[in-house]
Amino acid sequence: MRPPLDERPPGPVRMGAAAPARQAGGYRRALPGFVECGDVFVIEAGGAGGGGPMVVAIVDGLGHGGEAAMAAAAAAETIRMHLDLSVVEIVKRCDSALRGSRGAALGVLKLDAAGGGEFCGIGNIEVRDLVGGAPGVFCLPGIVGHNVRVVRGMPFTMQPGDIYCLHSDGVTSRGNLRSCLPGTPESVARRIVDTCGRPHDDASAVVLGYGAGARLASAAAASPSGPPSAPPAPAAPA
């Protein structure tokens, strides 16, 4: 039985009329046989009017089941409470919030309307470019809530047409993620999890596009023959 999908957001988040559109959508599923999922994704629009930085994160609670889900949920709530902070400070707040829990791997990314951004991560969250070269950002060793020694922000720049994927280690790094394009961000994320997810772990992916055009089509333009999108949920405020 699959768990309910993460409540934020149901589909692409698009912001900025002048700048290239930023779009993001995610999908997760629990370890087969479990209801509770230890992976959580967070996608938050850029404040009132959508002009501020978009915040995207993947949290992978250590192990699986209820305790992993609790740790991941605590980190996700901490992220949402501190969206105005830098990615480094968000990770530090999560490290404090998860003390006494099972702990988690965590990757947090901020992307502004001009394509500039910063990433900070601890553990085994990966960031991959689905259309170009490597983004050049990576997670540092450790477990959030337990043994984080070094926290460092890594700047990056997305060019129009770039599409990034953040995913937990429940998605194999050897998978051909690029073959999961095109589609809406959430349907591409689901395709990645369904085709590249490991059978012995929770799995999650978030697809983030910057001026991606037809590769990340709107829901209305998506092919009806592709994998179904996530069931609708309350929309994140723009």
Protein backbone atom coordinates (compact mmCIF):
# COMPACT_ATOMS: atom_id res chain seq x y z
CA MET A 1 0.00 0.00 0.00
CA ARG A 2 1.43 3.36 -0.98
CA PRO A 3 1.38 6.25 1.51
CA PRO A 4 -0.34 9.54 0.81
CA LEU A 5 1.85 11.87 -1.19
CA ASP A 6 3.52 14.87 0.39
CA GLU A 7 1.11 17.68 0.83
CA ARG A 8 3.25 20.42 -0.77
CA PRO A 9 2.80 21.18 -3.58
CA PRO A 10 0.52 19.21 -5.95
CA GLY A 11 2.22 20.25 -9.14
CA PRO A 12 4.40 22.83 -10.84
CA VAL A 13 5.05 26.08 -9.03
CA ARG A 14 5.65 28.88 -11.56
CA MET A 15 6.88 32.28 -10.60
CA GLY A 16 8.09 35.47 -12.25
CA ALA A 17 6.59 36.97 -15.40
CA ALA A 18 9.77 38.64 -16.68
CA ALA A 19 12.34 36.04 -15.64
CA PRO A 20 12.27 32.45 -16.96
CA ALA A 21 9.66 30.41 -15.14
CA ARG A 22 10.71 28.28 -12.20
CA GLN A 23 8.82 24.99 -11.98
CA ALA A 24 9.05 22.23 -9.41
CA GLY A 25 7.18 19.07 -8.51
CA GLY A 26 7.94 15.97 -6.49
CA TYR A 27 6.92 12.41 -5.75
CA ARG A 28 7.70 9.91 -2.98
CA ARG A 29 6.79 6.38 -2.04
CA ALA A 30 7.41 4.21 0.99
CA LEU A 31 9.42 1.03 1.16
CA PRO A 32 7.11 -1.61 -0.37
CA GLY A 33 5.00 -3.14 2.37
CA PHE A 34 5.09 -0.02 4.57
CA VAL A 35 2.52 2.74 4.89
CA GLU A 36 4.68 5.44 6.46
CA CYS A 37 7.35 6.97 4.27
CA GLY A 38 10.67 8.15 5.72
CA ASP A 39 11.26 10.47 2.75
CA VAL A 40 9.69 13.93 2.58
CA PHE A 41 10.06 16.68 -0.01
CA VAL A 42 9.44 20.39 0.49
CA ILE A 43 8.70 22.90 -2.27
CA GLU A 44 7.88 26.46 -1.25
CA ALA A 45 7.09 29.42 -3.50
CA GLY A 46 9.04 32.64 -3.17
CA GLY A 47 6.92 34.61 -0.72
CA ALA A 48 4.07 36.95 -1.52
CA GLY A 49 3.79 37.35 -5.27
CA GLY A 50 6.28 34.59 -5.93
CA GLY A 51 9.22 36.93 -6.54
CA GLY A 52 11.49 35.65 -3.80
CA PRO A 53 13.68 32.55 -3.76
CA MET A 54 12.08 29.16 -4.31
CA VAL A 55 13.02 26.65 -1.61
CA VAL A 56 13.31 22.97 -2.53
CA ALA A 57 14.39 20.23 -0.14
CA ILE A 58 14.57 16.46 0.21
CA VAL A 59 14.67 14.84 3.65
CA ASP A 60 15.50 11.15 4.06
CA GLY A 61 14.86 9.90 7.61
CA LEU A 62 17.39 7.28 8.63
CA GLY A 63 16.07 3.79 7.91
CA HIS A 64 12.37 3.42 7.23
CA GLY A 65 9.02 3.15 8.99
CA GLY A 66 7.49 5.32 11.68
CA GLU A 67 10.65 6.67 13.33
CA ALA A 68 12.17 7.65 9.99
CA ALA A 69 8.91 9.36 9.02
CA MET A 70 8.85 11.30 12.29
CA ALA A 71 12.41 12.55 11.82
CA ALA A 72 11.72 13.57 8.22
CA ALA A 73 8.51 15.36 9.18
CA ALA A 74 10.29 17.30 11.94
CA ALA A 75 12.96 18.46 9.49
CA ALA A 76 10.36 19.45 6.89
CA GLU A 77 8.46 21.52 9.44
CA THR A 78 11.68 23.20 10.54
CA ILE A 79 12.47 24.11 6.94
CA ARG A 80 9.02 25.67 6.47
CA MET A 81 9.44 27.69 9.65
CA HIS A 82 12.73 29.22 8.49
CA LEU A 83 12.33 29.85 4.76
CA ASP A 84 13.83 33.31 5.10
CA LEU A 85 17.17 31.98 6.39
CA SER A 86 20.14 30.90 4.28
CA VAL A 87 20.38 27.23 3.32
CA VAL A 88 23.28 26.85 5.77
CA GLU A 89 21.21 28.21 8.64
CA ILE A 90 18.24 26.06 7.65
CA VAL A 91 20.39 22.93 7.82
CA LYS A 92 21.77 24.00 11.21
CA ARG A 93 18.23 24.54 12.53
CA CYS A 94 17.27 21.08 11.30
CA ASP A 95 20.32 19.58 13.00
CA SER A 96 19.20 21.08 16.30
CA ALA A 97 15.55 20.06 15.78
CA LEU A 98 16.45 16.43 15.08
CA ARG A 99 18.57 15.88 18.20
CA GLY A 100 17.22 12.81 19.95
CA SER A 101 15.54 11.52 16.80
CA ARG A 102 16.74 8.85 14.42
CA GLY A 103 18.31 11.58 12.26
CA ALA A 104 18.18 12.21 8.53
CA ALA A 105 19.98 13.05 5.34
CA LEU A 106 19.00 16.47 4.06
CA GLY A 107 19.49 18.62 0.97
CA VAL A 108 18.16 22.20 0.79
CA LEU A 109 18.30 24.37 -2.32
CA LYS A 110 17.28 27.99 -2.92
CA LEU A 111 16.76 29.36 -6.44
CA ASP A 112 16.10 33.03 -7.20
CA ALA A 113 14.27 34.50 -10.17
CA ALA A 114 17.53 35.24 -12.02
CA GLY A 115 18.69 31.61 -11.86
CA GLY A 116 21.17 32.06 -9.04
CA GLY A 117 21.05 29.81 -6.05
CA GLU A 118 22.74 28.00 -3.21
CA PHE A 119 22.67 24.40 -2.00
CA CYS A 120 23.52 22.88 1.35
CA GLY A 121 23.27 19.20 2.15
CA ILE A 122 24.31 16.54 4.64
CA GLY A 123 24.24 12.82 3.91
CA ASN A 124 23.27 11.07 0.70
CA ILE A 125 20.93 13.42 -1.17
CA GLU A 126 22.00 13.87 -4.80
CA VAL A 127 21.50 16.78 -7.19
CA ARG A 128 21.66 15.92 -10.89
CA ASP A 129 21.15 17.90 -14.08
CA LEU A 130 18.74 16.17 -16.46
CA VAL A 131 19.76 18.10 -19.57
CA GLY A 132 23.29 19.48 -19.13
CA GLY A 133 26.45 18.96 -17.13
CA ALA A 134 26.82 18.27 -13.42
CA PRO A 135 25.45 21.06 -11.18
CA GLY A 136 28.66 21.02 -9.13
CA VAL A 137 26.95 20.80 -5.73
CA PHE A 138 26.98 17.88 -3.33
CA CYS A 139 26.25 16.82 0.23
CA LEU A 140 28.88 16.68 2.96
CA PRO A 141 29.23 13.63 5.25
CA GLY A 142 27.14 13.25 8.37
CA ILE A 143 23.68 12.61 9.77
CA VAL A 144 21.47 15.59 10.56
CA GLY A 145 20.66 15.45 14.27
CA HIS A 146 23.71 13.39 15.18
CA ASN A 147 27.19 14.07 13.82
CA VAL A 148 27.20 17.13 11.57
CA ARG A 149 30.70 18.63 11.74
CA VAL A 150 30.87 20.88 8.67
CA VAL A 151 27.99 22.76 7.03
CA ARG A 152 28.75 24.64 3.82
CA GLY A 153 26.68 26.45 1.23
CA MET A 154 27.53 25.85 -2.42
CA PRO A 155 26.51 28.46 -5.02
CA PHE A 156 25.23 27.48 -8.46
CA THR A 157 23.63 29.11 -11.47
CA MET A 158 20.83 27.61 -13.55
CA GLN A 159 20.70 28.67 -17.19
CA PRO A 160 17.39 28.87 -19.08
CA GLY A 161 16.50 25.32 -20.07
CA ASP A 162 18.24 23.66 -17.11
CA ILE A 163 16.40 20.94 -15.19
CA TYR A 164 17.71 19.62 -11.88
CA CYS A 165 16.63 16.56 -9.95
CA LEU A 166 17.13 16.20 -6.21
CA HIS A 167 16.65 12.66 -4.97
CA SER A 168 17.24 10.43 -1.96
CA ASP A 169 19.42 7.33 -2.05
CA GLY A 170 16.23 5.35 -2.58
CA VAL A 171 16.73 6.31 -6.24
CA THR A 172 19.74 4.63 -7.79
CA SER A 173 22.47 6.97 -9.00
CA ARG A 174 23.00 4.64 -11.97
CA GLY A 175 19.51 5.18 -13.32
CA ASN A 176 18.92 6.96 -16.62
CA LEU A 177 17.00 9.87 -15.17
CA ARG A 178 17.12 11.86 -18.40
CA SER A 179 14.96 9.24 -20.11
CA CYS A 180 12.11 10.25 -17.77
CA LEU A 181 11.63 13.56 -19.61
CA PRO A 182 9.41 15.18 -20.85
CA GLY A 183 6.36 15.79 -18.70
CA THR A 184 5.15 17.93 -15.84
CA PRO A 185 7.67 18.22 -13.00
CA GLU A 186 5.62 15.96 -10.75
CA SER A 187 5.05 13.33 -13.45
CA VAL A 188 8.77 13.27 -14.31
CA ALA A 189 9.56 12.91 -10.59
CA ARG A 190 7.11 10.02 -10.35
CA ARG A 191 8.60 8.36 -13.40
CA ILE A 192 12.06 8.66 -11.85
CA VAL A 193 10.92 7.04 -8.61
CA ASP A 194 8.93 4.32 -10.37
CA THR A 195 11.69 3.35 -12.81
CA CYS A 196 14.85 4.05 -10.76
CA GLY A 197 13.65 3.54 -7.18
CA ARG A 198 15.36 0.84 -5.15
CA PRO A 199 12.98 -1.93 -4.02
CA HIS A 200 14.44 -2.08 -0.48
CA ASP A 201 14.09 1.58 0.52
CA ASP A 202 11.84 4.64 0.62
CA ALA A 203 12.36 6.79 -2.47
CA SER A 204 11.73 10.41 -3.38
CA ALA A 205 12.58 12.89 -6.12
CA VAL A 206 11.96 16.56 -6.87
CA VAL A 207 12.31 17.95 -10.39
CA LEU A 208 13.20 21.63 -10.68
CA GLY A 209 13.23 23.52 -13.97
CA TYR A 210 14.35 27.01 -14.91
CA GLY A 211 12.85 28.21 -18.17
CA ALA A 212 12.57 24.56 -19.18
CA GLY A 213 9.85 25.05 -21.81
CA ALA A 214 8.34 21.97 -23.42
CA ARG A 215 10.54 19.52 -21.49
CA LEU A 216 8.49 20.38 -18.38
CA ALA A 217 5.10 20.89 -19.97
CA SER A 218 2.15 22.30 -18.10
CA ALA A 219 -0.39 19.86 -16.76
CA ALA A 220 -2.79 20.83 -19.53
CA ALA A 221 -0.22 20.03 -22.22
CA ALA A 222 1.09 16.82 -20.68
CA SER A 223 0.63 13.62 -22.65
CA PRO A 224 -2.31 11.55 -21.39
CA SER A 225 -0.32 8.40 -22.13
CA GLY A 226 2.40 9.24 -19.58
CA PRO A 227 2.43 8.11 -15.95
CA PRO A 228 -0.30 9.67 -13.86
CA SER A 229 0.54 12.69 -11.77
CA ALA A 230 0.22 12.86 -8.02
CA PRO A 231 -3.32 13.17 -6.66
CA PRO A 232 -4.33 16.80 -6.08
CA ALA A 233 -3.55 18.46 -2.75
CA PRO A 234 -3.86 22.00 -1.38
CA ALA A 235 -1.77 24.39 -3.45
CA ALA A 236 1.21 26.21 -1.99
CA PRO A 237 0.62 29.95 -1.81
CA ALA A 238 2.24 31.90 -4.66
